[in-house]
Amino acid sequence: MELFGIYHANGGIIGELAYAFGKVTGRAKCELCDITHSIAWKKREWKNLVSKTGIDMKLIHLNEQSVKMRTFTSGKTPCVVYEFEGNFQELISKADLQKCHGKVSIFENILIDSIKSIPEFKKEG
């Protein structure tokens, strides 16, 4: 089972600059970006969460998704999904990410509770 956090922004220099401009002008919003980053750098709290929990979640941008993932996440980003046996399932919705208000601590609670609810995780874990 693999976890993926999908940003609602494109990667690369142009994508990053476009998102930064959109954020400043109020035209771009990515709740997952607000959780993991402050300005352009990963938050210390995010790094601590990853270190503390050992949860391996790949963070990817819209233009970095596979075709299959892009099809699944279309209209749902930002979100957290997991892949099990070649199929994607949504783990944390955009609405749940909004409830975090950019706080890593709230995201951590939602993430851990969500992971515990995955039947496949219980089989693997």
N, C-alpha and C. Protein backbone atom coordinates (compact mmCIF):
# COMPACT_ATOMS: atom_id res chain seq x y z
N MET A 1 0.85 -1.17 0.00
CA MET A 1 0.00 0.00 0.00
C MET A 1 0.89 1.24 0.00
N GLU A 2 0.55 2.19 -0.86
CA GLU A 2 1.30 3.44 -0.93
C GLU A 2 0.39 4.62 -0.68
N LEU A 3 0.91 5.62 0.04
CA LEU A 3 0.17 6.86 0.31
C LEU A 3 0.71 7.98 -0.56
N PHE A 4 -0.21 8.82 -1.06
CA PHE A 4 0.16 9.96 -1.88
C PHE A 4 -0.61 11.18 -1.42
N GLY A 5 0.10 12.27 -1.20
CA GLY A 5 -0.52 13.56 -0.97
C GLY A 5 -0.47 14.32 -2.28
N ILE A 6 -1.62 14.70 -2.81
CA ILE A 6 -1.67 15.38 -4.10
C ILE A 6 -1.95 16.86 -3.89
N TYR A 7 -0.98 17.68 -4.25
CA TYR A 7 -1.16 19.13 -4.17
C TYR A 7 -2.12 19.60 -5.26
N HIS A 8 -2.76 20.73 -5.02
CA HIS A 8 -3.60 21.36 -6.05
C HIS A 8 -2.77 22.46 -6.72
N ALA A 9 -1.64 22.04 -7.26
CA ALA A 9 -0.71 22.95 -7.92
C ALA A 9 0.23 22.11 -8.78
N ASN A 10 0.74 22.73 -9.83
CA ASN A 10 1.72 22.06 -10.67
C ASN A 10 3.11 22.23 -10.09
N GLY A 11 3.96 21.25 -10.38
CA GLY A 11 5.34 21.31 -9.94
C GLY A 11 6.22 21.97 -10.98
N GLY A 12 7.49 22.06 -10.68
CA GLY A 12 8.44 22.71 -11.58
C GLY A 12 8.48 24.21 -11.31
N ILE A 13 9.46 24.85 -11.87
CA ILE A 13 9.65 26.28 -11.61
C ILE A 13 8.43 27.09 -12.02
N ILE A 14 7.91 26.85 -13.22
CA ILE A 14 6.75 27.61 -13.70
C ILE A 14 5.53 27.33 -12.83
N GLY A 15 5.31 26.07 -12.49
CA GLY A 15 4.17 25.72 -11.64
C GLY A 15 4.27 26.34 -10.26
N GLU A 16 5.47 26.30 -9.68
CA GLU A 16 5.68 26.87 -8.35
C GLU A 16 5.47 28.39 -8.36
N LEU A 17 6.01 29.05 -9.39
CA LEU A 17 5.84 30.50 -9.50
C LEU A 17 4.38 30.87 -9.73
N ALA A 18 3.70 30.11 -10.57
CA ALA A 18 2.28 30.37 -10.84
C ALA A 18 1.46 30.22 -9.56
N TYR A 19 1.76 29.18 -8.77
CA TYR A 19 1.03 28.99 -7.52
C TYR A 19 1.33 30.13 -6.54
N ALA A 20 2.60 30.50 -6.42
CA ALA A 20 2.98 31.58 -5.50
C ALA A 20 2.27 32.88 -5.88
N PHE A 21 2.23 33.19 -7.16
CA PHE A 21 1.54 34.40 -7.61
C PHE A 21 0.04 34.29 -7.32
N GLY A 22 -0.53 33.12 -7.61
CA GLY A 22 -1.95 32.91 -7.35
C GLY A 22 -2.29 32.99 -5.87
N LYS A 23 -1.41 32.49 -5.03
CA LYS A 23 -1.64 32.55 -3.58
C LYS A 23 -1.63 34.00 -3.09
N VAL A 24 -0.65 34.76 -3.56
CA VAL A 24 -0.54 36.16 -3.15
C VAL A 24 -1.75 36.97 -3.62
N THR A 25 -2.25 36.66 -4.81
CA THR A 25 -3.38 37.42 -5.36
C THR A 25 -4.73 36.84 -4.96
N GLY A 26 -4.72 35.73 -4.22
CA GLY A 26 -5.97 35.13 -3.77
C GLY A 26 -6.67 34.28 -4.81
N ARG A 27 -5.96 33.92 -5.88
CA ARG A 27 -6.56 33.12 -6.95
C ARG A 27 -6.22 31.64 -6.87
N ALA A 28 -5.28 31.29 -6.02
CA ALA A 28 -4.86 29.89 -5.90
C ALA A 28 -4.93 29.47 -4.43
N LYS A 29 -5.42 28.26 -4.22
CA LYS A 29 -5.54 27.72 -2.86
C LYS A 29 -5.20 26.24 -2.90
N CYS A 30 -4.35 25.82 -1.99
CA CYS A 30 -4.03 24.41 -1.85
C CYS A 30 -3.85 24.13 -0.36
N GLU A 31 -4.85 23.50 0.22
CA GLU A 31 -4.83 23.24 1.66
C GLU A 31 -3.68 22.32 2.06
N LEU A 32 -3.31 21.38 1.20
CA LEU A 32 -2.19 20.50 1.52
C LEU A 32 -0.87 21.28 1.50
N CYS A 33 -0.75 22.22 0.57
CA CYS A 33 0.44 23.09 0.54
C CYS A 33 0.55 23.86 1.85
N ASP A 34 -0.59 24.36 2.34
CA ASP A 34 -0.60 25.13 3.59
C ASP A 34 -0.17 24.28 4.79
N ILE A 35 -0.45 22.99 4.72
CA ILE A 35 -0.08 22.08 5.81
C ILE A 35 1.41 21.74 5.76
N THR A 36 1.92 21.47 4.57
CA THR A 36 3.30 20.99 4.46
C THR A 36 4.35 22.09 4.32
N HIS A 37 3.94 23.25 3.84
CA HIS A 37 4.92 24.31 3.54
C HIS A 37 4.58 25.64 4.20
N SER A 38 5.63 26.38 4.50
CA SER A 38 5.48 27.79 4.84
C SER A 38 6.28 28.54 3.78
N ILE A 39 5.62 29.36 3.06
CA ILE A 39 6.18 30.05 1.89
C ILE A 39 6.68 28.98 0.91
N ALA A 40 7.97 28.79 0.77
CA ALA A 40 8.47 27.83 -0.22
C ALA A 40 9.18 26.63 0.40
N TRP A 41 9.28 26.59 1.71
CA TRP A 41 10.02 25.52 2.38
C TRP A 41 9.09 24.65 3.19
N LYS A 42 9.48 23.38 3.32
CA LYS A 42 8.69 22.49 4.17
C LYS A 42 8.76 22.96 5.62
N LYS A 43 7.63 22.88 6.27
CA LYS A 43 7.55 23.28 7.68
C LYS A 43 8.35 22.31 8.55
N ARG A 44 8.95 22.85 9.59
CA ARG A 44 9.66 22.01 10.55
C ARG A 44 8.69 20.99 11.16
N GLU A 45 7.48 21.43 11.45
CA GLU A 45 6.47 20.53 12.03
C GLU A 45 6.17 19.37 11.10
N TRP A 46 6.16 19.64 9.78
CA TRP A 46 5.91 18.57 8.81
C TRP A 46 7.07 17.57 8.83
N LYS A 47 8.28 18.08 8.82
CA LYS A 47 9.46 17.20 8.86
C LYS A 47 9.45 16.36 10.14
N ASN A 48 9.06 16.96 11.25
CA ASN A 48 8.98 16.23 12.52
C ASN A 48 7.91 15.14 12.46
N LEU A 49 6.78 15.43 11.83
CA LEU A 49 5.71 14.43 11.69
C LEU A 49 6.21 13.23 10.90
N VAL A 50 6.85 13.49 9.79
CA VAL A 50 7.36 12.40 8.95
C VAL A 50 8.39 11.59 9.73
N SER A 51 9.28 12.26 10.43
CA SER A 51 10.31 11.58 11.21
C SER A 51 9.71 10.77 12.36
N LYS A 52 8.76 11.38 13.06
CA LYS A 52 8.16 10.75 14.25
C LYS A 52 7.31 9.53 13.89
N THR A 53 6.49 9.65 12.86
CA THR A 53 5.55 8.57 12.53
C THR A 53 6.14 7.52 11.61
N GLY A 54 7.13 7.91 10.82
CA GLY A 54 7.68 6.97 9.85
C GLY A 54 6.74 6.69 8.69
N ILE A 55 5.66 7.46 8.60
CA ILE A 55 4.70 7.27 7.51
C ILE A 55 5.33 7.77 6.22
N ASP A 56 5.35 6.90 5.23
CA ASP A 56 5.94 7.24 3.94
C ASP A 56 4.83 7.70 3.00
N MET A 57 4.67 9.01 2.88
CA MET A 57 3.66 9.55 1.98
C MET A 57 4.38 10.38 0.93
N LYS A 58 4.20 10.01 -0.31
CA LYS A 58 4.81 10.76 -1.40
C LYS A 58 3.95 11.98 -1.69
N LEU A 59 4.57 13.14 -1.70
CA LEU A 59 3.88 14.39 -2.01
C LEU A 59 4.15 14.73 -3.47
N ILE A 60 3.07 14.84 -4.26
CA ILE A 60 3.25 15.09 -5.69
C ILE A 60 2.30 16.19 -6.17
N HIS A 61 2.70 16.81 -7.24
CA HIS A 61 1.94 17.89 -7.85
C HIS A 61 1.01 17.34 -8.94
N LEU A 62 0.08 18.16 -9.36
CA LEU A 62 -0.89 17.74 -10.38
C LEU A 62 -0.21 17.18 -11.62
N ASN A 63 0.81 17.87 -12.11
CA ASN A 63 1.46 17.46 -13.35
C ASN A 63 2.48 16.33 -13.15
N GLU A 64 2.58 15.80 -11.95
CA GLU A 64 3.49 14.69 -11.68
C GLU A 64 2.74 13.36 -11.51
N GLN A 65 1.43 13.40 -11.61
CA GLN A 65 0.62 12.20 -11.41
C GLN A 65 0.65 11.30 -12.65
N SER A 66 0.48 10.01 -12.42
CA SER A 66 0.27 9.09 -13.53
C SER A 66 -1.11 9.38 -14.13
N VAL A 67 -1.34 8.91 -15.32
CA VAL A 67 -2.65 9.10 -15.96
C VAL A 67 -3.75 8.49 -15.10
N LYS A 68 -3.51 7.30 -14.58
CA LYS A 68 -4.51 6.63 -13.76
C LYS A 68 -4.82 7.43 -12.50
N MET A 69 -3.79 7.93 -11.84
CA MET A 69 -4.00 8.72 -10.63
C MET A 69 -4.72 10.03 -10.97
N ARG A 70 -4.31 10.68 -12.05
CA ARG A 70 -4.92 11.94 -12.46
C ARG A 70 -6.41 11.75 -12.73
N THR A 71 -6.75 10.66 -13.36
CA THR A 71 -8.16 10.36 -13.63
C THR A 71 -8.92 10.19 -12.32
N PHE A 72 -8.33 9.49 -11.36
CA PHE A 72 -8.99 9.26 -10.07
C PHE A 72 -9.14 10.55 -9.27
N THR A 73 -8.11 11.39 -9.26
CA THR A 73 -8.13 12.58 -8.40
C THR A 73 -8.75 13.80 -9.06
N SER A 74 -9.12 13.70 -10.31
CA SER A 74 -9.69 14.85 -11.03
C SER A 74 -10.87 15.44 -10.26
N GLY A 75 -10.78 16.74 -9.95
CA GLY A 75 -11.83 17.43 -9.22
C GLY A 75 -11.80 17.22 -7.72
N LYS A 76 -10.83 16.46 -7.21
CA LYS A 76 -10.76 16.14 -5.77
C LYS A 76 -9.57 16.79 -5.06
N THR A 77 -8.66 17.37 -5.79
CA THR A 77 -7.43 17.87 -5.18
C THR A 77 -7.63 19.22 -4.50
N PRO A 78 -6.83 19.46 -3.47
CA PRO A 78 -5.82 18.58 -2.89
C PRO A 78 -6.48 17.45 -2.11
N CYS A 79 -5.77 16.37 -1.99
CA CYS A 79 -6.29 15.22 -1.24
C CYS A 79 -5.14 14.28 -0.92
N VAL A 80 -5.45 13.28 -0.12
CA VAL A 80 -4.51 12.20 0.16
C VAL A 80 -5.19 10.92 -0.28
N VAL A 81 -4.49 10.14 -1.09
CA VAL A 81 -5.04 8.88 -1.58
C VAL A 81 -4.07 7.76 -1.25
N TYR A 82 -4.58 6.54 -1.33
CA TYR A 82 -3.68 5.40 -1.22
C TYR A 82 -3.94 4.46 -2.37
N GLU A 83 -2.89 3.73 -2.73
CA GLU A 83 -2.99 2.76 -3.81
C GLU A 83 -2.77 1.38 -3.21
N PHE A 84 -3.70 0.49 -3.51
CA PHE A 84 -3.59 -0.89 -3.04
C PHE A 84 -3.99 -1.79 -4.18
N GLU A 85 -3.10 -2.69 -4.53
CA GLU A 85 -3.32 -3.64 -5.62
C GLU A 85 -3.75 -2.93 -6.90
N GLY A 86 -3.09 -1.80 -7.20
CA GLY A 86 -3.33 -1.09 -8.45
C GLY A 86 -4.53 -0.18 -8.48
N ASN A 87 -5.25 -0.08 -7.37
CA ASN A 87 -6.44 0.78 -7.33
C ASN A 87 -6.24 1.90 -6.32
N PHE A 88 -6.78 3.06 -6.65
CA PHE A 88 -6.69 4.22 -5.76
C PHE A 88 -7.96 4.38 -4.95
N GLN A 89 -7.78 4.83 -3.71
CA GLN A 89 -8.90 5.17 -2.83
C GLN A 89 -8.56 6.49 -2.15
N GLU A 90 -9.57 7.32 -1.95
CA GLU A 90 -9.34 8.58 -1.25
C GLU A 90 -9.26 8.30 0.24
N LEU A 91 -8.24 8.84 0.87
CA LEU A 91 -8.05 8.67 2.31
C LEU A 91 -8.45 9.94 3.06
N ILE A 92 -8.01 11.09 2.56
CA ILE A 92 -8.34 12.38 3.18
C ILE A 92 -8.80 13.32 2.08
N SER A 93 -10.00 13.82 2.23
CA SER A 93 -10.60 14.69 1.21
C SER A 93 -10.13 16.13 1.35
N LYS A 94 -10.44 16.91 0.34
CA LYS A 94 -10.16 18.34 0.38
C LYS A 94 -10.87 18.97 1.58
N ALA A 95 -12.11 18.57 1.83
CA ALA A 95 -12.87 19.12 2.97
C ALA A 95 -12.16 18.83 4.29
N ASP A 96 -11.61 17.63 4.43
CA ASP A 96 -10.88 17.29 5.66
C ASP A 96 -9.58 18.10 5.77
N LEU A 97 -8.92 18.33 4.64
CA LEU A 97 -7.71 19.16 4.65
C LEU A 97 -8.04 20.60 5.04
N GLN A 98 -9.19 21.08 4.62
CA GLN A 98 -9.61 22.44 4.99
C GLN A 98 -9.78 22.56 6.50
N LYS A 99 -10.23 21.50 7.15
CA LYS A 99 -10.42 21.50 8.60
C LYS A 99 -9.11 21.67 9.36
N CYS A 100 -8.00 21.40 8.71
CA CYS A 100 -6.68 21.51 9.35
C CYS A 100 -6.23 22.96 9.50
N HIS A 101 -6.75 23.85 8.71
CA HIS A 101 -6.36 25.27 8.76
C HIS A 101 -4.85 25.44 8.72
N GLY A 102 -4.18 24.58 7.92
CA GLY A 102 -2.73 24.67 7.77
C GLY A 102 -1.92 24.10 8.91
N LYS A 103 -2.58 23.51 9.90
CA LYS A 103 -1.88 23.01 11.09
C LYS A 103 -1.50 21.53 10.93
N VAL A 104 -0.23 21.26 11.04
CA VAL A 104 0.28 19.90 10.92
C VAL A 104 -0.30 19.00 12.01
N SER A 105 -0.47 19.51 13.21
CA SER A 105 -0.97 18.70 14.33
C SER A 105 -2.39 18.18 14.07
N ILE A 106 -3.23 19.01 13.49
CA ILE A 106 -4.59 18.56 13.16
C ILE A 106 -4.53 17.53 12.04
N PHE A 107 -3.69 17.79 11.03
CA PHE A 107 -3.53 16.84 9.93
C PHE A 107 -3.06 15.49 10.45
N GLU A 108 -2.12 15.51 11.38
CA GLU A 108 -1.59 14.26 11.95
C GLU A 108 -2.71 13.41 12.54
N ASN A 109 -3.59 14.03 13.31
CA ASN A 109 -4.70 13.28 13.92
C ASN A 109 -5.62 12.70 12.86
N ILE A 110 -5.95 13.50 11.85
CA ILE A 110 -6.82 13.03 10.77
C ILE A 110 -6.15 11.89 10.01
N LEU A 111 -4.86 12.05 9.71
CA LEU A 111 -4.12 11.03 8.97
C LEU A 111 -4.08 9.71 9.73
N ILE A 112 -3.71 9.75 10.99
CA ILE A 112 -3.61 8.52 11.77
C ILE A 112 -4.96 7.84 11.90
N ASP A 113 -6.01 8.60 12.19
CA ASP A 113 -7.35 8.02 12.28
C ASP A 113 -7.78 7.42 10.94
N SER A 114 -7.45 8.10 9.85
CA SER A 114 -7.83 7.62 8.53
C SER A 114 -7.09 6.34 8.18
N ILE A 115 -5.80 6.28 8.48
CA ILE A 115 -5.02 5.08 8.19
C ILE A 115 -5.55 3.89 8.98
N LYS A 116 -5.92 4.12 10.23
CA LYS A 116 -6.45 3.03 11.06
C LYS A 116 -7.74 2.45 10.48
N SER A 117 -8.45 3.25 9.68
CA SER A 117 -9.73 2.78 9.13
C SER A 117 -9.57 1.98 7.84
N ILE A 118 -8.36 1.88 7.32
CA ILE A 118 -8.14 1.17 6.06
C ILE A 118 -8.04 -0.33 6.32
N PRO A 119 -8.96 -1.12 5.76
CA PRO A 119 -8.89 -2.58 5.97
C PRO A 119 -7.57 -3.17 5.49
N GLU A 120 -7.05 -2.69 4.36
CA GLU A 120 -5.80 -3.21 3.82
C GLU A 120 -4.63 -2.93 4.76
N PHE A 121 -4.66 -1.81 5.45
CA PHE A 121 -3.59 -1.46 6.39
C PHE A 121 -3.60 -2.45 7.55
N LYS A 122 -4.78 -2.81 8.01
CA LYS A 122 -4.88 -3.75 9.13
C LYS A 122 -4.31 -5.10 8.74
N LYS A 123 -4.50 -5.50 7.47
CA LYS A 123 -3.96 -6.77 7.00
C LYS A 123 -2.44 -6.73 6.90
N GLU A 124 -1.91 -5.57 6.43
CA GLU A 124 -0.46 -5.44 6.27
C GLU A 124 0.25 -5.21 7.59
N GLY A 125 -0.40 -4.39 8.47
CA GLY A 125 0.25 -3.90 9.67
C GLY A 125 0.37 -4.88 10.76
